[in-house]
C-alpha atoms as a PDB file:
ATOM      1  CA  MET A   1    -102.045  76.241 -22.123  1.00  0.00           C
ATOM      2  CA  ALA A   2     -99.454  73.857 -20.673  1.00  0.00           C
ATOM      3  CA  ASP A   3     -96.001  75.221 -19.813  1.00  0.00           C
ATOM      4  CA  THR A   4     -92.927  74.790 -21.986  1.00  0.00           C
ATOM      5  CA  LEU A   5     -89.695  73.330 -20.634  1.00  0.00           C
ATOM      6  CA  ALA A   6     -88.209  76.807 -20.180  1.00  0.00           C
ATOM      7  CA  GLN A   7     -91.219  77.927 -18.131  1.00  0.00           C
ATOM      8  CA  LEU A   8     -91.102  74.797 -15.960  1.00  0.00           C
ATOM      9  CA  ILE A   9     -87.382  75.247 -15.326  1.00  0.00           C
ATOM     10  CA  THR A  10     -87.978  78.807 -14.141  1.00  0.00           C
ATOM     11  CA  LYS A  11     -90.772  77.679 -11.816  1.00  0.00           C
ATOM     12  CA  VAL A  12     -88.674  74.868 -10.337  1.00  0.00           C
ATOM     13  CA  GLN A  13     -85.703  77.167  -9.726  1.00  0.00           C
ATOM     14  CA  ASN A  14     -87.976  79.747  -8.105  1.00  0.00           C
ATOM     15  CA  ILE A  15     -89.685  77.245  -5.817  1.00  0.00           C
ATOM     16  CA  LEU A  16     -86.260  76.009  -4.706  1.00  0.00           C
ATOM     17  CA  GLY A  17     -85.116  79.560  -3.925  1.00  0.00           C
ATOM     18  CA  ASP A  18     -82.510  79.615  -6.692  1.00  0.00           C
ATOM     19  CA  ALA A  19     -83.896  81.965  -9.336  1.00  0.00           C
ATOM     20  CA  SER A  20     -80.407  82.542 -10.747  1.00  0.00           C
ATOM     21  CA  GLY A  21     -79.839  78.826 -11.321  1.00  0.00           C
ATOM     22  CA  THR A  22     -76.586  78.870  -9.360  1.00  0.00           C
ATOM     23  CA  TYR A  23     -77.155  75.567  -7.585  1.00  0.00           C
ATOM     24  CA  PHE A  24     -80.057  74.111  -9.520  1.00  0.00           C
ATOM     25  CA  THR A  25     -78.744  74.655 -13.008  1.00  0.00           C
ATOM     26  CA  THR A  26     -80.732  74.287 -16.207  1.00  0.00           C
ATOM     27  CA  ALA A  27     -79.106  70.893 -16.794  1.00  0.00           C
ATOM     28  CA  ILE A  28     -80.033  69.583 -13.329  1.00  0.00           C
ATOM     29  CA  VAL A  29     -83.618  70.825 -13.482  1.00  0.00           C
ATOM     30  CA  THR A  30     -84.064  69.522 -17.033  1.00  0.00           C
ATOM     31  CA  ALA A  31     -82.958  66.082 -15.849  1.00  0.00           C
ATOM     32  CA  GLY A  32     -85.395  66.319 -12.945  1.00  0.00           C
ATOM     33  CA  ILE A  33     -88.335  67.291 -15.168  1.00  0.00           C
ATOM     34  CA  ARG A  34     -87.464  64.517 -17.626  1.00  0.00           C
ATOM     35  CA  GLN A  35     -87.597  61.952 -14.824  1.00  0.00           C
ATOM     36  CA  ALA A  36     -90.879  63.366 -13.494  1.00  0.00           C
ATOM     37  CA  LEU A  37     -92.430  63.177 -16.974  1.00  0.00           C
ATOM     38  CA  SER A  38     -91.245  59.595 -17.355  1.00  0.00           C
ATOM     39  CA  GLU A  39     -92.961  58.631 -14.101  1.00  0.00           C
ATOM     40  CA  TRP A  40     -96.114  60.463 -15.192  1.00  0.00           C
ATOM     41  CA  ASN A  41     -96.211  58.622 -18.515  1.00  0.00           C
ATOM     42  CA  MET A  42     -95.965  55.266 -16.767  1.00  0.00           C
ATOM     43  CA  ARG A  43     -99.117  55.979 -14.764  1.00  0.00           C
ATOM     44  CA  ALA A  44    -101.140  58.576 -16.675  1.00  0.00           C
ATOM     45  CA  PRO A  45    -100.380  58.515 -20.410  1.00  0.00           C
ATOM     46  CA  VAL A  46    -102.576  59.923 -23.153  1.00  0.00           C
ATOM     47  CA  HIS A  47    -105.393  57.621 -24.313  1.00  0.00           C
ATOM     48  CA  ALA A  48    -106.022  57.607 -28.048  1.00  0.00           C
ATOM     49  CA  ALA A  49    -107.963  55.620 -30.639  1.00  0.00           C
ATOM     50  CA  ILE A  50    -107.749  54.997 -34.357  1.00  0.00           C
ATOM     51  CA  THR A  51    -109.667  52.998 -36.950  1.00  0.00           C
ATOM     52  CA  ILE A  52    -108.157  50.593 -39.488  1.00  0.00           C
ATOM     53  CA  THR A  53    -109.962  49.067 -42.457  1.00  0.00           C
ATOM     54  CA  ALA A  54    -109.505  45.302 -42.377  1.00  0.00           C
ATOM     55  CA  ALA A  55    -107.962  43.466 -45.318  1.00  0.00           C
ATOM     56  CA  ALA A  56    -109.103  40.027 -46.437  1.00  0.00           C
ATOM     57  CA  ASP A  57    -107.681  37.192 -44.319  1.00  0.00           C
ATOM     58  CA  GLN A  58    -105.182  39.530 -42.629  1.00  0.00           C
ATOM     59  CA  TYR A  59    -104.216  38.672 -39.076  1.00  0.00           C
ATOM     60  CA  GLU A  60    -101.349  41.049 -38.382  1.00  0.00           C
ATOM     61  CA  TYR A  61    -101.414  44.854 -38.331  1.00  0.00           C
ATOM     62  CA  GLU A  62     -98.835  47.478 -37.398  1.00  0.00           C
ATOM     63  CA  LEU A  63    -100.161  50.254 -35.187  1.00  0.00           C
ATOM     64  CA  THR A  64     -97.124  52.471 -35.702  1.00  0.00           C
ATOM     65  CA  ASP A  65     -98.045  52.670 -39.388  1.00  0.00           C
ATOM     66  CA  GLU A  66    -101.138  54.559 -38.243  1.00  0.00           C
ATOM     67  CA  ASP A  67     -99.578  56.482 -35.325  1.00  0.00           C
ATOM     68  CA  PRO A  68     -95.768  56.530 -34.956  1.00  0.00           C
ATOM     69  CA  ASN A  69     -96.139  57.732 -31.343  1.00  0.00           C
ATOM     70  CA  SER A  70     -98.234  54.763 -30.174  1.00  0.00           C
ATOM     71  CA  CYS A  71     -96.881  52.943 -27.119  1.00  0.00           C
ATOM     72  CA  GLU A  72     -99.222  50.295 -25.751  1.00  0.00           C
ATOM     73  CA  ILE A  73    -102.475  48.812 -27.007  1.00  0.00           C
ATOM     74  CA  MET A  74    -105.339  48.851 -24.523  1.00  0.00           C
ATOM     75  CA  ASP A  75    -108.109  47.233 -26.573  1.00  0.00           C
ATOM     76  CA  VAL A  76    -108.943  46.103 -30.101  1.00  0.00           C
ATOM     77  CA  LEU A  77    -112.558  46.018 -31.271  1.00  0.00           C
ATOM     78  CA  GLU A  78    -114.541  45.249 -34.375  1.00  0.00           C
ATOM     79  CA  ARG A  79    -116.991  48.026 -35.131  1.00  0.00           C
ATOM     80  CA  GLY A  80    -120.551  46.777 -35.116  1.00  0.00           C
ATOM     81  CA  ASP A  81    -123.899  48.304 -35.987  1.00  0.00           C
ATOM     82  CA  ASN A  82    -123.445  52.038 -35.453  1.00  0.00           C
ATOM     83  CA  ASN A  83    -127.116  52.446 -34.629  1.00  0.00           C
ATOM     84  CA  ASN A  84    -126.627  50.432 -31.462  1.00  0.00           C
ATOM     85  CA  GLU A  85    -122.870  51.000 -31.085  1.00  0.00           C
ATOM     86  CA  LEU A  86    -122.335  47.280 -30.735  1.00  0.00           C
ATOM     87  CA  ASP A  87    -118.554  47.339 -30.988  1.00  0.00           C
ATOM     88  CA  ILE A  88    -117.143  43.987 -29.920  1.00  0.00           C
ATOM     89  CA  SER A  89    -113.712  43.366 -28.396  1.00  0.00           C
ATOM     90  CA  VAL A  90    -111.697  40.838 -30.378  1.00  0.00           C
ATOM     91  CA  ASP A  91    -108.926  38.545 -29.193  1.00  0.00           C
ATOM     92  CA  TYR A  92    -105.461  39.693 -30.144  1.00  0.00           C
ATOM     93  CA  ASP A  93    -101.808  39.475 -29.140  1.00  0.00           C
ATOM     94  CA  GLN A  94     -99.572  42.532 -28.962  1.00  0.00           C
ATOM     95  CA  TYR A  95     -95.845  42.597 -29.529  1.00  0.00           C
ATOM     96  CA  ILE A  96     -93.151  45.213 -30.089  1.00  0.00           C
ATOM     97  CA  GLU A  97     -90.316  44.820 -32.555  1.00  0.00           C
ATOM     98  CA  ASP A  98     -87.685  47.432 -33.458  1.00  0.00           C
ATOM     99  CA  GLU A  99     -89.684  50.065 -31.542  1.00  0.00           C
ATOM    100  CA  ARG A 100     -92.759  49.296 -33.677  1.00  0.00           C
ATOM    101  CA  VAL A 101     -96.069  48.192 -32.168  1.00  0.00           C
ATOM    102  CA  PHE A 102     -97.915  45.277 -33.785  1.00  0.00           C
ATOM    103  CA  PHE A 103    -101.019  43.309 -32.959  1.00  0.00           C
ATOM    104  CA  ARG A 104    -102.082  39.931 -34.322  1.00  0.00           C
ATOM    105  CA  LEU A 105    -105.736  38.963 -34.397  1.00  0.00           C
ATOM    106  CA  ARG A 106    -106.647  35.427 -33.399  1.00  0.00           C
ATOM    107  CA  ARG A 107    -109.273  35.452 -36.126  1.00  0.00           C
ATOM    108  CA  PRO A 108    -109.341  37.859 -39.066  1.00  0.00           C
ATOM    109  CA  VAL A 109    -111.969  40.555 -39.418  1.00  0.00           C
ATOM    110  CA  ASP A 110    -113.949  40.409 -42.671  1.00  0.00           C
ATOM    111  CA  ALA A 111    -112.536  42.455 -45.516  1.00  0.00           C
ATOM    112  CA  GLY A 112    -113.785  46.036 -45.341  1.00  0.00           C
ATOM    113  CA  GLY A 113    -114.657  45.725 -41.663  1.00  0.00           C
ATOM    114  CA  ILE A 114    -113.522  48.463 -39.317  1.00  0.00           C
ATOM    115  CA  ILE A 115    -111.030  47.681 -36.567  1.00  0.00           C
ATOM    116  CA  ILE A 116    -110.951  50.107 -33.635  1.00  0.00           C
ATOM    117  CA  VAL A 117    -107.653  50.227 -31.746  1.00  0.00           C
ATOM    118  CA  ARG A 118    -107.451  51.967 -28.373  1.00  0.00           C
ATOM    119  CA  TYR A 119    -103.929  52.670 -27.194  1.00  0.00           C
ATOM    120  CA  THR A 120    -101.672  55.038 -25.255  1.00  0.00           C
ATOM    121  CA  ILE A 121     -99.085  57.602 -26.237  1.00  0.00           C
ATOM    122  CA  TYR A 122     -96.641  59.444 -23.999  1.00  0.00           C
ATOM    123  CA  HIS A 123     -97.019  63.070 -22.983  1.00  0.00           C
ATOM    124  CA  THR A 124     -94.429  65.520 -24.252  1.00  0.00           C
ATOM    125  CA  ILE A 125     -93.200  68.888 -23.026  1.00  0.00           C
ATOM    126  CA  ASN A 126     -92.356  71.568 -25.568  1.00  0.00           C
ATOM    127  CA  GLY A 127     -88.574  71.947 -25.614  1.00  0.00           C
ATOM    128  CA  LEU A 128     -87.765  68.666 -23.873  1.00  0.00           C
ATOM    129  CA  ASP A 129     -85.938  66.133 -26.033  1.00  0.00           C
ATOM    130  CA  SER A 130     -86.849  67.925 -29.272  1.00  0.00           C
ATOM    131  CA  ALA A 131     -90.613  67.895 -28.553  1.00  0.00           C
ATOM    132  CA  VAL A 132     -92.530  70.812 -30.061  1.00  0.00           C
ATOM    133  CA  GLU A 133     -95.785  70.419 -28.138  1.00  0.00           C
ATOM    134  CA  SER A 134     -96.803  70.257 -24.478  1.00  0.00           C
ATOM    135  CA  THR A 135     -99.617  67.712 -24.199  1.00  0.00           C
ATOM    136  CA  LEU A 136    -100.159  67.795 -20.440  1.00  0.00           C
ATOM    137  CA  LEU A 137    -103.238  69.544 -19.128  1.00  0.00           C
ATOM    138  CA  ALA A 138    -102.458  73.019 -17.818  1.00  0.00           C
ATOM    139  CA  ARG A 139    -103.682  71.909 -14.388  1.00  0.00           C
ATOM    140  CA  ASP A 140    -100.938  69.256 -14.326  1.00  0.00           C
ATOM    141  CA  ASP A 141     -98.101  71.756 -14.774  1.00  0.00           C
ATOM    142  CA  GLN A 142     -97.727  72.014 -11.001  1.00  0.00           C
ATOM    143  CA  ALA A 143     -97.149  68.274 -10.854  1.00  0.00           C
ATOM    144  CA  MET A 144     -94.194  68.693 -13.196  1.00  0.00           C
ATOM    145  CA  VAL A 145     -92.914  71.511 -10.979  1.00  0.00           C
ATOM    146  CA  ASP A 146     -93.224  69.350  -7.848  1.00  0.00           C
ATOM    147  CA  GLY A 147     -91.719  66.320  -9.562  1.00  0.00           C
ATOM    148  CA  GLY A 148     -88.971  68.357 -11.155  1.00  0.00           C
ATOM    149  CA  ALA A 149     -88.123  69.901  -7.775  1.00  0.00           C
ATOM    150  CA  TYR A 150     -88.040  66.469  -6.117  1.00  0.00           C
ATOM    151  CA  TYR A 151     -85.708  64.902  -8.665  1.00  0.00           C
ATOM    152  CA  SER A 152     -83.536  68.029  -8.869  1.00  0.00           C
ATOM    153  CA  LEU A 153     -83.054  67.898  -5.105  1.00  0.00           C
ATOM    154  CA  MET A 154     -82.144  64.227  -5.305  1.00  0.00           C
ATOM    155  CA  VAL A 155     -79.583  64.952  -8.028  1.00  0.00           C
ATOM    156  CA  ARG A 156     -78.123  67.711  -5.886  1.00  0.00           C
ATOM    157  CA  ALA A 157     -78.054  65.461  -2.800  1.00  0.00           C
ATOM    158  CA  THR A 158     -76.325  62.698  -4.732  1.00  0.00           C
ATOM    159  CA  ALA A 159     -73.709  65.098  -6.061  1.00  0.00           C
ATOM    160  CA  ARG A 160     -72.894  66.340  -2.553  1.00  0.00           C
ATOM    161  CA  VAL A 161     -72.303  62.886  -1.032  1.00  0.00           C
ATOM    162  CA  GLU A 162     -68.761  62.592  -2.363  1.00  0.00           C
ATOM    163  CA  THR A 163     -67.744  66.239  -2.597  1.00  0.00           C
ATOM    164  CA  ILE A 164     -68.811  67.121   0.956  1.00  0.00           C
ATOM    165  CA  ASN A 165     -68.232  63.809   2.656  1.00  0.00           C
ATOM    166  CA  LEU A 166     -67.255  65.528   5.925  1.00  0.00           C
ATOM    167  CA  SER A 167     -70.601  67.319   6.076  1.00  0.00           C
ATOM    168  CA  GLN A 168     -73.251  64.661   5.678  1.00  0.00           C
ATOM    169  CA  ASP A 169     -75.919  67.102   6.834  1.00  0.00           C
ATOM    170  CA  GLN A 170     -75.919  68.810   3.452  1.00  0.00           C
ATOM    171  CA  SER A 171     -77.064  65.695   1.596  1.00  0.00           C
ATOM    172  CA  ASP A 172     -79.496  64.819   4.378  1.00  0.00           C
ATOM    173  CA  ASN A 173     -81.039  68.287   4.250  1.00  0.00           C
ATOM    174  CA  TYR A 174     -81.577  68.007   0.498  1.00  0.00           C
ATOM    175  CA  ARG A 175     -83.209  64.604   0.879  1.00  0.00           C
ATOM    176  CA  GLU A 176     -85.458  65.827   3.671  1.00  0.00           C
ATOM    177  CA  ILE A 177     -86.739  68.703   1.558  1.00  0.00           C
ATOM    178  CA  ALA A 178     -87.040  66.392  -1.448  1.00  0.00           C
ATOM    179  CA  SER A 179     -89.407  64.102   0.453  1.00  0.00           C
ATOM    180  CA  MET A 180     -91.942  66.933   0.703  1.00  0.00           C
ATOM    181  CA  TYR A 181     -91.970  67.490  -3.056  1.00  0.00           C
ATOM    182  CA  GLN A 182     -92.057  63.733  -3.633  1.00  0.00           C
ATOM    183  CA  ALA A 183     -95.247  63.499  -1.571  1.00  0.00           C
ATOM    184  CA  LEU A 184     -96.841  66.358  -3.514  1.00  0.00           C
ATOM    185  CA  PHE A 185     -95.875  64.840  -6.851  1.00  0.00           C
ATOM    186  CA  ASN A 186     -97.117  61.366  -5.911  1.00  0.00           C
ATOM    187  CA  THR A 187    -100.449  62.781  -4.737  1.00  0.00           C
ATOM    188  CA  ARG A 188    -101.019  64.575  -8.038  1.00  0.00           C
ATOM    189  CA  LEU A 189     -99.888  61.538 -10.017  1.00  0.00           C
ATOM    190  CA  ALA A 190    -102.222  59.195  -8.139  1.00  0.00           C
ATOM    191  CA  LYS A 191    -105.155  61.518  -8.801  1.00  0.00           C
ATOM    192  CA  ALA A 192    -104.365  61.784 -12.507  1.00  0.00           C
ATOM    193  CA  ALA A 193    -103.973  58.012 -12.851  1.00  0.00           C
ATOM    194  CA  ARG A 194    -107.297  57.409 -11.104  1.00  0.00           C
ATOM    195  CA  TYR A 195    -109.242  59.598 -13.518  1.00  0.00           C
ATOM    196  CA  ARG A 196    -107.507  58.540 -16.717  1.00  0.00           C
ATOM    197  CA  LYS A 197    -108.889  55.051 -17.148  1.00  0.00           C
ATOM    198  CA  ALA A 198    -108.660  53.127 -20.365  1.00  0.00           C
ATOM    199  CA  ALA A 199    -111.558  53.769 -22.727  1.00  0.00           C
ATOM    200  CA  VAL A 200    -112.935  50.227 -22.550  1.00  0.00           C
ATOM    201  CA  GLY A 201    -116.679  49.695 -22.371  1.00  0.00           C
ATOM    202  CA  GLU A 202    -118.581  47.377 -20.086  1.00  0.00           C
ATOM    203  CA  PRO A 203    -119.554  43.955 -21.503  1.00  0.00           C
ATOM    204  CA  ASP A 204    -123.079  43.523 -22.839  1.00  0.00           C
ATOM    205  CA  GLU A 205    -124.869  41.435 -20.215  1.00  0.00           C
ATOM    206  CA  ARG A 206    -128.275  41.212 -21.908  1.00  0.00           C
ATOM    207  CA  ALA A 207    -129.810  37.721 -22.162  1.00  0.00           C
ATOM    208  CA  TRP A 208    -132.672  36.358 -24.225  1.00  0.00           C
ATOM    209  CA  GLU A 209    -135.037  36.410 -21.235  1.00  0.00           C
ATOM    210  CA  ASP A 210    -134.369  40.058 -20.310  1.00  0.00           C
ATOM    211  CA  SER A 211    -137.535  42.169 -20.274  1.00  0.00           C
ATOM    212  CA  TYR A 212    -135.861  44.725 -22.535  1.00  0.00           C
ATOM    213  CA  HIS A 213    -134.511  42.203 -25.039  1.00  0.00           C
ATOM    214  CA  THR A 214    -135.665  42.381 -28.666  1.00  0.00           C
ATOM    215  CA  TRP A 215    -134.744  40.021 -31.458  1.00  0.00           C
ATOM    216  CA  GLU A 216    -133.850  43.010 -33.655  1.00  0.00           C
ATOM    217  CA  GLN A 217    -130.826  43.673 -31.440  1.00  0.00           C
END
């Protein structure tokens, strides 16, 4: 089970040698974890899909009516013959208005037809910004610890620039340590992004002269 915000804060403070939260307070670490999660969601969001029953001569649909947490549409398809799973991508245009996600088909799907929408939603961490569920994989918790440590160190370094302007080494030391956690976080993020590809199928390349072609298909 993925960690809650409170658990991640404790882990970040421990890895930074500040279990009491004297220097890396709850507020600082929370800000660091929030930034790390934001970066993660830009590269490795959750992929989801939903079906919508088409209405007669309707071009425009609102995805947020179906899923209020939807963020970006990856593909829109018309469901074909289920025996052969011949779902066909359709041309569409996406736009966002008042934090609502819409898509407009360039040709309507027949009434009663099934539209498949593949899209992304952002991960949440239980306890962060009123979220009540942690949707990250448990194996990705360490990425949030590394990212939270990196951004917490950067916050701390920034805060020390003005207050300790006669001792530049303090800020430099924080930034040097931060670079190590940045490298760890970026490595985990790159791996997660590589394996979480959009659920879009390959085009059907069969032709009439293919040896496996049948007119029934």
